[in-house]
Amino acid sequence: MRIRVRLYGVLKTAAKIEELELDLDTAASVRQLVSKLVDKIARTEFERCLIDADLKDPRPNALIMVSGTEVGGLNGLDTV
């Protein structure tokens, strides 16, 4: 499955790109997408802005949306 990712604010600045597409397994979760995104962009500044060093998950203030809905209103990082 091909996923389009749009970055805004500090994430866009840190990644130095606004949008990219990634190929994922059909049943991939948001957690898997975030991991692949960090690997694909491979910028320390981007990872520092997105990933909480202690939690090893996206920072609580990172707004992650799937088809216009914030993942907290869905199944969190386990949202497919």
PDB file of N, CA and C in Angstrom:
ATOM      1  N   MET A   1       0.842  -1.165   0.000  1.00  0.00           N
ATOM      2  CA  MET A   1       0.000   0.000   0.000  1.00  0.00           C
ATOM      3  C   MET A   1       0.893   1.237   0.000  1.00  0.00           C
ATOM      4  N   ARG A   2       0.535   2.195  -0.803  1.00  0.00           N
ATOM      5  CA  ARG A   2       1.296   3.446  -0.891  1.00  0.00           C
ATOM      6  C   ARG A   2       0.609   4.492  -0.010  1.00  0.00           C
ATOM      7  N   ILE A   3       1.385   5.111   0.872  1.00  0.00           N
ATOM      8  CA  ILE A   3       0.886   6.100   1.826  1.00  0.00           C
ATOM      9  C   ILE A   3       1.537   7.450   1.538  1.00  0.00           C
ATOM     10  N   ARG A   4       0.723   8.497   1.522  1.00  0.00           N
ATOM     11  CA  ARG A   4       1.266   9.854   1.375  1.00  0.00           C
ATOM     12  C   ARG A   4       1.356  10.479   2.763  1.00  0.00           C
ATOM     13  N   VAL A   5       2.523  11.015   3.089  1.00  0.00           N
ATOM     14  CA  VAL A   5       2.768  11.645   4.381  1.00  0.00           C
ATOM     15  C   VAL A   5       3.045  13.119   4.136  1.00  0.00           C
ATOM     16  N   ARG A   6       2.318  13.966   4.845  1.00  0.00           N
ATOM     17  CA  ARG A   6       2.556  15.409   4.779  1.00  0.00           C
ATOM     18  C   ARG A   6       3.118  15.858   6.113  1.00  0.00           C
ATOM     19  N   LEU A   7       4.157  16.653   6.050  1.00  0.00           N
ATOM     20  CA  LEU A   7       4.803  17.170   7.255  1.00  0.00           C
ATOM     21  C   LEU A   7       4.533  18.658   7.369  1.00  0.00           C
ATOM     22  N   TYR A   8       4.332  19.114   8.604  1.00  0.00           N
ATOM     23  CA  TYR A   8       4.050  20.523   8.864  1.00  0.00           C
ATOM     24  C   TYR A   8       4.963  21.028   9.973  1.00  0.00           C
ATOM     25  N   GLY A   9       5.095  22.332  10.057  1.00  0.00           N
ATOM     26  CA  GLY A   9       5.811  22.985  11.151  1.00  0.00           C
ATOM     27  C   GLY A   9       7.251  22.538  11.309  1.00  0.00           C
ATOM     28  N   VAL A  10       7.633  22.263  12.560  1.00  0.00           N
ATOM     29  CA  VAL A  10       9.023  21.917  12.851  1.00  0.00           C
ATOM     30  C   VAL A  10       9.437  20.597  12.195  1.00  0.00           C
ATOM     31  N   LEU A  11       8.486  19.679  11.991  1.00  0.00           N
ATOM     32  CA  LEU A  11       8.842  18.414  11.328  1.00  0.00           C
ATOM     33  C   LEU A  11       9.207  18.659   9.868  1.00  0.00           C
ATOM     34  N   LYS A  12       8.468  19.522   9.213  1.00  0.00           N
ATOM     35  CA  LYS A  12       8.779  19.872   7.824  1.00  0.00           C
ATOM     36  C   LYS A  12      10.146  20.546   7.738  1.00  0.00           C
ATOM     37  N   THR A  13      10.414  21.453   8.663  1.00  0.00           N
ATOM     38  CA  THR A  13      11.705  22.147   8.682  1.00  0.00           C
ATOM     39  C   THR A  13      12.847  21.173   8.944  1.00  0.00           C
ATOM     40  N   ALA A  14      12.676  20.290   9.918  1.00  0.00           N
ATOM     41  CA  ALA A  14      13.732  19.337  10.274  1.00  0.00           C
ATOM     42  C   ALA A  14      13.989  18.322   9.171  1.00  0.00           C
ATOM     43  N   ALA A  15      12.920  17.885   8.490  1.00  0.00           N
ATOM     44  CA  ALA A  15      13.064  16.886   7.426  1.00  0.00           C
ATOM     45  C   ALA A  15      13.529  17.511   6.115  1.00  0.00           C
ATOM     46  N   LYS A  16      13.300  18.812   5.979  1.00  0.00           N
ATOM     47  CA  LYS A  16      13.636  19.547   4.746  1.00  0.00           C
ATOM     48  C   LYS A  16      12.821  19.063   3.549  1.00  0.00           C
ATOM     49  N   ILE A  17      11.652  18.492   3.842  1.00  0.00           N
ATOM     50  CA  ILE A  17      10.689  18.126   2.799  1.00  0.00           C
ATOM     51  C   ILE A  17       9.290  18.337   3.365  1.00  0.00           C
ATOM     52  N   GLU A  18       8.328  18.515   2.485  1.00  0.00           N
ATOM     53  CA  GLU A  18       6.950  18.749   2.911  1.00  0.00           C
ATOM     54  C   GLU A  18       6.090  17.496   2.766  1.00  0.00           C
ATOM     55  N   GLU A  19       6.399  16.691   1.773  1.00  0.00           N
ATOM     56  CA  GLU A  19       5.564  15.528   1.490  1.00  0.00           C
ATOM     57  C   GLU A  19       6.404  14.408   0.900  1.00  0.00           C
ATOM     58  N   LEU A  20       6.037  13.165   1.230  1.00  0.00           N
ATOM     59  CA  LEU A  20       6.689  12.015   0.624  1.00  0.00           C
ATOM     60  C   LEU A  20       5.718  10.855   0.604  1.00  0.00           C
ATOM     61  N   GLU A  21       6.019   9.854  -0.192  1.00  0.00           N
ATOM     62  CA  GLU A  21       5.203   8.651  -0.254  1.00  0.00           C
ATOM     63  C   GLU A  21       6.041   7.463   0.173  1.00  0.00           C
ATOM     64  N   LEU A  22       5.397   6.557   0.918  1.00  0.00           N
ATOM     65  CA  LEU A  22       6.057   5.357   1.412  1.00  0.00           C
ATOM     66  C   LEU A  22       5.229   4.140   1.043  1.00  0.00           C
ATOM     67  N   ASP A  23       5.904   3.025   0.781  1.00  0.00           N
ATOM     68  CA  ASP A  23       5.226   1.753   0.558  1.00  0.00           C
ATOM     69  C   ASP A  23       5.227   0.983   1.864  1.00  0.00           C
ATOM     70  N   LEU A  24       4.036   0.535   2.283  1.00  0.00           N
ATOM     71  CA  LEU A  24       3.881  -0.202   3.536  1.00  0.00           C
ATOM     72  C   LEU A  24       3.066  -1.461   3.299  1.00  0.00           C
ATOM     73  N   ASP A  25       3.187  -2.400   4.246  1.00  0.00           N
ATOM     74  CA  ASP A  25       2.326  -3.574   4.208  1.00  0.00           C
ATOM     75  C   ASP A  25       0.877  -3.116   4.351  1.00  0.00           C
ATOM     76  N   THR A  26      -0.044  -3.877   3.813  1.00  0.00           N
ATOM     77  CA  THR A  26      -1.463  -3.513   3.843  1.00  0.00           C
ATOM     78  C   THR A  26      -1.966  -3.267   5.264  1.00  0.00           C
ATOM     79  N   ALA A  27      -1.544  -4.065   6.222  1.00  0.00           N
ATOM     80  CA  ALA A  27      -2.033  -3.935   7.596  1.00  0.00           C
ATOM     81  C   ALA A  27      -1.045  -3.194   8.502  1.00  0.00           C
ATOM     82  N   ALA A  28      -0.261  -2.298   7.961  1.00  0.00           N
ATOM     83  CA  ALA A  28       0.738  -1.575   8.749  1.00  0.00           C
ATOM     84  C   ALA A  28       0.055  -0.594   9.707  1.00  0.00           C
ATOM     85  N   SER A  29       0.620  -0.474  10.894  1.00  0.00           N
ATOM     86  CA  SER A  29       0.092   0.458  11.895  1.00  0.00           C
ATOM     87  C   SER A  29       0.792   1.811  11.770  1.00  0.00           C
ATOM     88  N   VAL A  30       0.233   2.798  12.447  1.00  0.00           N
ATOM     89  CA  VAL A  30       0.853   4.119  12.490  1.00  0.00           C
ATOM     90  C   VAL A  30       2.242   4.006  13.120  1.00  0.00           C
ATOM     91  N   ARG A  31       2.391   3.163  14.119  1.00  0.00           N
ATOM     92  CA  ARG A  31       3.693   2.954  14.760  1.00  0.00           C
ATOM     93  C   ARG A  31       4.728   2.484  13.726  1.00  0.00           C
ATOM     94  N   GLN A  32       4.335   1.545  12.852  1.00  0.00           N
ATOM     95  CA  GLN A  32       5.240   1.042  11.809  1.00  0.00           C
ATOM     96  C   GLN A  32       5.536   2.134  10.789  1.00  0.00           C
ATOM     97  N   LEU A  33       4.536   2.937  10.463  1.00  0.00           N
ATOM     98  CA  LEU A  33       4.727   4.046   9.533  1.00  0.00           C
ATOM     99  C   LEU A  33       5.731   5.045  10.092  1.00  0.00           C
ATOM    100  N   VAL A  34       5.596   5.385  11.366  1.00  0.00           N
ATOM    101  CA  VAL A  34       6.519   6.342  11.997  1.00  0.00           C
ATOM    102  C   VAL A  34       7.942   5.802  11.949  1.00  0.00           C
ATOM    103  N   SER A  35       8.112   4.539  12.250  1.00  0.00           N
ATOM    104  CA  SER A  35       9.438   3.919  12.216  1.00  0.00           C
ATOM    105  C   SER A  35      10.038   3.989  10.815  1.00  0.00           C
ATOM    106  N   LYS A  36       9.236   3.667   9.815  1.00  0.00           N
ATOM    107  CA  LYS A  36       9.722   3.709   8.435  1.00  0.00           C
ATOM    108  C   LYS A  36      10.026   5.150   8.010  1.00  0.00           C
ATOM    109  N   LEU A  37       9.221   6.074   8.473  1.00  0.00           N
ATOM    110  CA  LEU A  37       9.423   7.488   8.164  1.00  0.00           C
ATOM    111  C   LEU A  37      10.759   7.978   8.720  1.00  0.00           C
ATOM    112  N   VAL A  38      11.059   7.625   9.954  1.00  0.00           N
ATOM    113  CA  VAL A  38      12.332   8.013  10.569  1.00  0.00           C
ATOM    114  C   VAL A  38      13.495   7.395   9.802  1.00  0.00           C
ATOM    115  N   ASP A  39      13.368   6.133   9.403  1.00  0.00           N
ATOM    116  CA  ASP A  39      14.426   5.478   8.619  1.00  0.00           C
ATOM    117  C   ASP A  39      14.605   6.143   7.262  1.00  0.00           C
ATOM    118  N   LYS A  40      13.502   6.480   6.611  1.00  0.00           N
ATOM    119  CA  LYS A  40      13.536   7.049   5.258  1.00  0.00           C
ATOM    120  C   LYS A  40      14.148   8.448   5.264  1.00  0.00           C
ATOM    121  N   ILE A  41      13.739   9.274   6.211  1.00  0.00           N
ATOM    122  CA  ILE A  41      14.239  10.651   6.245  1.00  0.00           C
ATOM    123  C   ILE A  41      15.667  10.695   6.780  1.00  0.00           C
ATOM    124  N   ALA A  42      15.977   9.858   7.740  1.00  0.00           N
ATOM    125  CA  ALA A  42      17.348   9.681   8.246  1.00  0.00           C
ATOM    126  C   ALA A  42      18.055  11.000   8.558  1.00  0.00           C
ATOM    127  N   ARG A  43      17.387  11.848   9.279  1.00  0.00           N
ATOM    128  CA  ARG A  43      17.980  13.101   9.751  1.00  0.00           C
ATOM    129  C   ARG A  43      17.842  13.130  11.263  1.00  0.00           C
ATOM    130  N   THR A  44      18.941  13.296  11.957  1.00  0.00           N
ATOM    131  CA  THR A  44      18.934  13.297  13.416  1.00  0.00           C
ATOM    132  C   THR A  44      17.987  14.355  13.956  1.00  0.00           C
ATOM    133  N   GLU A  45      17.995  15.524  13.365  1.00  0.00           N
ATOM    134  CA  GLU A  45      17.131  16.614  13.824  1.00  0.00           C
ATOM    135  C   GLU A  45      15.657  16.225  13.691  1.00  0.00           C
ATOM    136  N   PHE A  46      15.290  15.568  12.592  1.00  0.00           N
ATOM    137  CA  PHE A  46      13.903  15.130  12.388  1.00  0.00           C
ATOM    138  C   PHE A  46      13.508  14.111  13.457  1.00  0.00           C
ATOM    139  N   GLU A  47      14.352  13.131  13.674  1.00  0.00           N
ATOM    140  CA  GLU A  47      14.050  12.098  14.679  1.00  0.00           C
ATOM    141  C   GLU A  47      13.914  12.721  16.068  1.00  0.00           C
ATOM    142  N   ARG A  48      14.780  13.655  16.401  1.00  0.00           N
ATOM    143  CA  ARG A  48      14.721  14.325  17.699  1.00  0.00           C
ATOM    144  C   ARG A  48      13.420  15.112  17.873  1.00  0.00           C
ATOM    145  N   CYS A  49      12.933  15.714  16.779  1.00  0.00           N
ATOM    146  CA  CYS A  49      11.682  16.475  16.843  1.00  0.00           C
ATOM    147  C   CYS A  49      10.460  15.565  16.952  1.00  0.00           C
ATOM    148  N   LEU A  50      10.520  14.396  16.370  1.00  0.00           N
ATOM    149  CA  LEU A  50       9.363  13.503  16.320  1.00  0.00           C
ATOM    150  C   LEU A  50       9.332  12.473  17.450  1.00  0.00           C
ATOM    151  N   ILE A  51      10.480  11.878  17.771  1.00  0.00           N
ATOM    152  CA  ILE A  51      10.515  10.753  18.707  1.00  0.00           C
ATOM    153  C   ILE A  51      10.975  11.185  20.093  1.00  0.00           C
ATOM    154  N   ASP A  52      10.205  10.821  21.110  1.00  0.00           N
ATOM    155  CA  ASP A  52      10.583  11.063  22.493  1.00  0.00           C
ATOM    156  C   ASP A  52      11.678  10.066  22.870  1.00  0.00           C
ATOM    157  N   ALA A  53      12.822  10.535  23.324  1.00  0.00           N
ATOM    158  CA  ALA A  53      13.973   9.667  23.604  1.00  0.00           C
ATOM    159  C   ALA A  53      13.679   8.647  24.709  1.00  0.00           C
ATOM    160  N   ASP A  54      12.865   9.018  25.677  1.00  0.00           N
ATOM    161  CA  ASP A  54      12.553   8.095  26.779  1.00  0.00           C
ATOM    162  C   ASP A  54      11.481   7.084  26.385  1.00  0.00           C
ATOM    163  N   LEU A  55      10.443   7.545  25.714  1.00  0.00           N
ATOM    164  CA  LEU A  55       9.325   6.672  25.350  1.00  0.00           C
ATOM    165  C   LEU A  55       9.595   5.839  24.101  1.00  0.00           C
ATOM    166  N   LYS A  56      10.500   6.315  23.251  1.00  0.00           N
ATOM    167  CA  LYS A  56      10.802   5.670  21.966  1.00  0.00           C
ATOM    168  C   LYS A  56       9.568   5.638  21.051  1.00  0.00           C
ATOM    169  N   ASP A  57       8.645   6.558  21.267  1.00  0.00           N
ATOM    170  CA  ASP A  57       7.433   6.727  20.474  1.00  0.00           C
ATOM    171  C   ASP A  57       7.339   8.196  20.087  1.00  0.00           C
ATOM    172  N   PRO A  58       6.428   8.526  19.184  1.00  0.00           N
ATOM    173  CA  PRO A  58       6.264   9.938  18.839  1.00  0.00           C
ATOM    174  C   PRO A  58       5.960  10.780  20.071  1.00  0.00           C
ATOM    175  N   ARG A  59       6.492  11.971  20.070  1.00  0.00           N
ATOM    176  CA  ARG A  59       6.268  12.897  21.178  1.00  0.00           C
ATOM    177  C   ARG A  59       4.765  13.131  21.346  1.00  0.00           C
ATOM    178  N   PRO A  60       4.321  13.299  22.581  1.00  0.00           N
ATOM    179  CA  PRO A  60       2.892  13.510  22.827  1.00  0.00           C
ATOM    180  C   PRO A  60       2.311  14.732  22.113  1.00  0.00           C
ATOM    181  N   ASN A  61       3.151  15.735  21.832  1.00  0.00           N
ATOM    182  CA  ASN A  61       2.662  16.930  21.159  1.00  0.00           C
ATOM    183  C   ASN A  61       2.713  16.823  19.633  1.00  0.00           C
ATOM    184  N   ALA A  62       3.125  15.667  19.096  1.00  0.00           N
ATOM    185  CA  ALA A  62       3.128  15.464  17.637  1.00  0.00           C
ATOM    186  C   ALA A  62       1.711  15.106  17.202  1.00  0.00           C
ATOM    187  N   LEU A  63       1.137  15.908  16.344  1.00  0.00           N
ATOM    188  CA  LEU A  63      -0.208  15.663  15.841  1.00  0.00           C
ATOM    189  C   LEU A  63      -0.099  14.710  14.658  1.00  0.00           C
ATOM    190  N   ILE A  64      -0.618  13.501  14.837  1.00  0.00           N
ATOM    191  CA  ILE A  64      -0.579  12.492  13.783  1.00  0.00           C
ATOM    192  C   ILE A  64      -2.005  12.204  13.370  1.00  0.00           C
ATOM    193  N   MET A  65      -2.280  12.395  12.094  1.00  0.00           N
ATOM    194  CA  MET A  65      -3.642  12.217  11.591  1.00  0.00           C
ATOM    195  C   MET A  65      -3.678  11.150  10.508  1.00  0.00           C
ATOM    196  N   VAL A  66      -4.761  10.406  10.493  1.00  0.00           N
ATOM    197  CA  VAL A  66      -5.014   9.407   9.459  1.00  0.00           C
ATOM    198  C   VAL A  66      -6.322   9.797   8.785  1.00  0.00           C
ATOM    199  N   SER A  67      -6.251  10.121   7.512  1.00  0.00           N
ATOM    200  CA  SER A  67      -7.440  10.533   6.750  1.00  0.00           C
ATOM    201  C   SER A  67      -8.234  11.620   7.466  1.00  0.00           C
ATOM    202  N   GLY A  68      -7.529  12.592   8.038  1.00  0.00           N
ATOM    203  CA  GLY A  68      -8.163  13.744   8.660  1.00  0.00           C
ATOM    204  C   GLY A  68      -8.595  13.558  10.103  1.00  0.00           C
ATOM    205  N   THR A  69      -8.344  12.398  10.705  1.00  0.00           N
ATOM    206  CA  THR A  69      -8.714  12.144  12.096  1.00  0.00           C
ATOM    207  C   THR A  69      -7.457  11.906  12.921  1.00  0.00           C
ATOM    208  N   GLU A  70      -7.353  12.611  14.059  1.00  0.00           N
ATOM    209  CA  GLU A  70      -6.213  12.449  14.942  1.00  0.00           C
ATOM    210  C   GLU A  70      -6.218  11.029  15.491  1.00  0.00           C
ATOM    211  N   VAL A  71      -5.047  10.374  15.521  1.00  0.00           N
ATOM    212  CA  VAL A  71      -4.977   8.958  15.900  1.00  0.00           C
ATOM    213  C   VAL A  71      -5.437   8.690  17.333  1.00  0.00           C
ATOM    214  N   GLY A  72      -5.400   9.696  18.200  1.00  0.00           N
ATOM    215  CA  GLY A  72      -5.897   9.526  19.560  1.00  0.00           C
ATOM    216  C   GLY A  72      -7.388   9.222  19.582  1.00  0.00           C
ATOM    217  N   GLY A  73      -8.115   9.675  18.568  1.00  0.00           N
ATOM    218  CA  GLY A  73      -9.537   9.388  18.443  1.00  0.00           C
ATOM    219  C   GLY A  73      -9.804   8.072  17.733  1.00  0.00           C
ATOM    220  N   LEU A  74      -8.757   7.429  17.299  1.00  0.00           N
ATOM    221  CA  LEU A  74      -8.880   6.139  16.624  1.00  0.00           C
ATOM    222  C   LEU A  74      -8.313   5.074  17.561  1.00  0.00           C
ATOM    223  N   ASN A  75      -7.285   4.385  17.110  1.00  0.00           N
ATOM    224  CA  ASN A  75      -6.675   3.326  17.922  1.00  0.00           C
ATOM    225  C   ASN A  75      -5.232   3.691  18.281  1.00  0.00           C
ATOM    226  N   GLY A  76      -4.966   4.987  18.405  1.00  0.00           N
ATOM    227  CA  GLY A  76      -3.641   5.462  18.760  1.00  0.00           C
ATOM    228  C   GLY A  76      -2.597   5.012  17.745  1.00  0.00           C
ATOM    229  N   LEU A  77      -1.399   4.695  18.216  1.00  0.00           N
ATOM    230  CA  LEU A  77      -0.310   4.268  17.327  1.00  0.00           C
ATOM    231  C   LEU A  77      -0.563   2.903  16.715  1.00  0.00           C
ATOM    232  N   ASP A  78      -1.552   2.183  17.219  1.00  0.00           N
ATOM    233  CA  ASP A  78      -1.903   0.887  16.652  1.00  0.00           C
ATOM    234  C   ASP A  78      -2.929   1.001  15.525  1.00  0.00           C
ATOM    235  N   THR A  79      -3.331   2.209  15.191  1.00  0.00           N
ATOM    236  CA  THR A  79      -4.265   2.437  14.090  1.00  0.00           C
ATOM    237  C   THR A  79      -3.663   1.902  12.795  1.00  0.00           C
ATOM    238  N   VAL A  80      -4.463   1.137  12.071  1.00  0.00           N
ATOM    239  CA  VAL A  80      -4.009   0.563  10.789  1.00  0.00           C
ATOM    240  C   VAL A  80      -4.343   1.542   9.684  1.00  0.00           C
TER     241      VAL A  80
END
